[in-house]
Amino acid sequence: MLFSLGRPPADLHAALAALDDFERAILEHEHRVVIEARRLKCLAILDRMSGLEKKGN
């Protein structure tokens, strides 16, 4: 889904940045609240992208 042709680069960049932040929080043993917040941000971006893709069909 992330590498769909026609997906705006800004959406891909935001999704990949959020995923990187989430993974970094895990690797750096951040507090559980920080990890959860970053996970939810990542999921929200992916949900938004998925919603845009559904509307585009």
N, C-alpha and C. Protein backbone atom coordinates (compact mmCIF):
# COMPACT_ATOMS: atom_id res chain seq x y z
N MET A 1 0.82 -1.20 0.00
CA MET A 1 0.00 0.00 0.00
C MET A 1 0.87 1.26 0.00
N LEU A 2 1.97 1.25 0.73
CA LEU A 2 2.77 2.46 0.84
C LEU A 2 3.41 2.88 -0.47
N PHE A 3 3.66 1.93 -1.35
CA PHE A 3 4.38 2.25 -2.56
C PHE A 3 3.49 2.20 -3.79
N SER A 4 2.24 2.57 -3.61
CA SER A 4 1.30 2.63 -4.73
C SER A 4 1.75 3.71 -5.70
N LEU A 5 1.65 3.41 -6.99
CA LEU A 5 1.95 4.44 -8.00
C LEU A 5 0.91 5.54 -7.86
N GLY A 6 1.15 6.71 -7.99
CA GLY A 6 0.13 7.74 -7.88
C GLY A 6 -0.09 8.24 -6.46
N ARG A 7 0.57 7.67 -5.50
CA ARG A 7 0.47 8.14 -4.11
C ARG A 7 1.36 9.37 -3.98
N PRO A 8 0.85 10.48 -3.45
CA PRO A 8 1.66 11.69 -3.30
C PRO A 8 2.89 11.42 -2.43
N PRO A 9 4.05 11.93 -2.84
CA PRO A 9 5.28 11.69 -2.06
C PRO A 9 5.19 12.15 -0.61
N ALA A 10 4.44 13.21 -0.35
CA ALA A 10 4.32 13.71 1.02
C ALA A 10 3.64 12.67 1.91
N ASP A 11 2.62 11.97 1.39
CA ASP A 11 1.95 10.93 2.17
C ASP A 11 2.91 9.80 2.49
N LEU A 12 3.68 9.38 1.51
CA LEU A 12 4.66 8.32 1.73
C LEU A 12 5.71 8.74 2.74
N HIS A 13 6.18 9.96 2.61
CA HIS A 13 7.20 10.46 3.53
C HIS A 13 6.65 10.50 4.96
N ALA A 14 5.44 10.98 5.15
CA ALA A 14 4.84 11.05 6.48
C ALA A 14 4.67 9.66 7.08
N ALA A 15 4.22 8.71 6.27
CA ALA A 15 4.02 7.34 6.76
C ALA A 15 5.34 6.70 7.14
N LEU A 16 6.34 6.85 6.30
CA LEU A 16 7.64 6.25 6.60
C LEU A 16 8.32 6.91 7.79
N ALA A 17 8.16 8.21 7.93
CA ALA A 17 8.73 8.92 9.08
C ALA A 17 8.06 8.47 10.37
N ALA A 18 6.74 8.30 10.35
CA ALA A 18 6.03 7.85 11.54
C ALA A 18 6.44 6.42 11.91
N LEU A 19 6.61 5.57 10.91
CA LEU A 19 7.06 4.20 11.17
C LEU A 19 8.46 4.20 11.74
N ASP A 20 9.33 5.04 11.22
CA ASP A 20 10.70 5.15 11.74
C ASP A 20 10.69 5.61 13.19
N ASP A 21 9.87 6.61 13.52
CA ASP A 21 9.77 7.09 14.91
C ASP A 21 9.29 5.99 15.84
N PHE A 22 8.31 5.22 15.39
CA PHE A 22 7.77 4.12 16.19
C PHE A 22 8.84 3.06 16.44
N GLU A 23 9.54 2.67 15.38
CA GLU A 23 10.59 1.66 15.53
C GLU A 23 11.72 2.16 16.42
N ARG A 24 12.09 3.43 16.27
CA ARG A 24 13.16 4.00 17.09
C ARG A 24 12.77 4.00 18.57
N ALA A 25 11.50 4.31 18.86
CA ALA A 25 11.04 4.31 20.25
C ALA A 25 11.17 2.92 20.86
N ILE A 26 10.89 1.90 20.08
CA ILE A 26 11.03 0.53 20.59
C ILE A 26 12.50 0.21 20.84
N LEU A 27 13.34 0.49 19.85
CA LEU A 27 14.76 0.16 19.97
C LEU A 27 15.45 0.91 21.09
N GLU A 28 15.00 2.13 21.35
CA GLU A 28 15.62 2.94 22.40
C GLU A 28 14.96 2.73 23.75
N HIS A 29 14.07 1.77 23.83
CA HIS A 29 13.39 1.41 25.08
C HIS A 29 12.69 2.61 25.72
N GLU A 30 11.98 3.35 24.89
CA GLU A 30 11.21 4.48 25.39
C GLU A 30 10.11 3.99 26.33
N HIS A 31 9.53 4.91 27.05
CA HIS A 31 8.42 4.59 27.95
C HIS A 31 7.26 4.05 27.12
N ARG A 32 6.48 3.16 27.68
CA ARG A 32 5.37 2.53 26.96
C ARG A 32 4.38 3.55 26.39
N VAL A 33 4.18 4.65 27.10
CA VAL A 33 3.25 5.69 26.63
C VAL A 33 3.77 6.33 25.35
N VAL A 34 5.07 6.56 25.28
CA VAL A 34 5.69 7.14 24.07
C VAL A 34 5.56 6.18 22.90
N ILE A 35 5.85 4.91 23.15
CA ILE A 35 5.75 3.90 22.09
C ILE A 35 4.31 3.82 21.58
N GLU A 36 3.35 3.81 22.48
CA GLU A 36 1.95 3.73 22.06
C GLU A 36 1.52 4.96 21.26
N ALA A 37 1.96 6.13 21.69
CA ALA A 37 1.61 7.35 20.97
C ALA A 37 2.18 7.33 19.56
N ARG A 38 3.39 6.87 19.41
CA ARG A 38 4.02 6.82 18.09
C ARG A 38 3.36 5.74 17.22
N ARG A 39 2.97 4.66 17.84
CA ARG A 39 2.26 3.59 17.09
C ARG A 39 0.93 4.12 16.56
N LEU A 40 0.19 4.82 17.42
CA LEU A 40 -1.10 5.37 17.01
C LEU A 40 -0.96 6.42 15.92
N LYS A 41 0.09 7.23 15.99
CA LYS A 41 0.33 8.23 14.94
C LYS A 41 0.59 7.54 13.61
N CYS A 42 1.39 6.49 13.64
CA CYS A 42 1.70 5.74 12.43
C CYS A 42 0.43 5.12 11.85
N LEU A 43 -0.38 4.51 12.70
CA LEU A 43 -1.62 3.89 12.23
C LEU A 43 -2.60 4.93 11.68
N ALA A 44 -2.65 6.10 12.29
CA ALA A 44 -3.55 7.15 11.81
C ALA A 44 -3.16 7.60 10.40
N ILE A 45 -1.87 7.73 10.16
CA ILE A 45 -1.42 8.13 8.82
C ILE A 45 -1.76 7.05 7.81
N LEU A 46 -1.52 5.79 8.16
CA LEU A 46 -1.85 4.70 7.25
C LEU A 46 -3.36 4.61 7.01
N ASP A 47 -4.15 4.82 8.05
CA ASP A 47 -5.61 4.82 7.89
C ASP A 47 -6.06 5.93 6.95
N ARG A 48 -5.46 7.12 7.12
CA ARG A 48 -5.80 8.24 6.25
C ARG A 48 -5.44 7.92 4.80
N MET A 49 -4.27 7.33 4.61
CA MET A 49 -3.86 6.96 3.25
C MET A 49 -4.79 5.92 2.67
N SER A 50 -5.18 4.97 3.47
CA SER A 50 -6.10 3.92 3.01
C SER A 50 -7.44 4.52 2.64
N GLY A 51 -7.92 5.47 3.42
CA GLY A 51 -9.19 6.12 3.13
C GLY A 51 -9.13 6.91 1.83
N LEU A 52 -8.00 7.55 1.59
CA LEU A 52 -7.85 8.31 0.34
C LEU A 52 -7.82 7.37 -0.85
N GLU A 53 -7.19 6.22 -0.66
CA GLU A 53 -7.11 5.25 -1.77
C GLU A 53 -8.50 4.69 -2.09
N LYS A 54 -9.31 4.43 -1.05
CA LYS A 54 -10.66 3.91 -1.27
C LYS A 54 -11.52 4.94 -2.02
N LYS A 55 -11.36 6.22 -1.68
CA LYS A 55 -12.14 7.26 -2.35
C LYS A 55 -11.71 7.42 -3.80
N GLY A 56 -10.42 7.14 -4.07
CA GLY A 56 -9.90 7.30 -5.42
C GLY A 56 -10.35 6.22 -6.37
N ASN A 57 -10.84 5.09 -5.87
CA ASN A 57 -11.29 3.99 -6.74
C ASN A 57 -12.61 4.24 -7.36
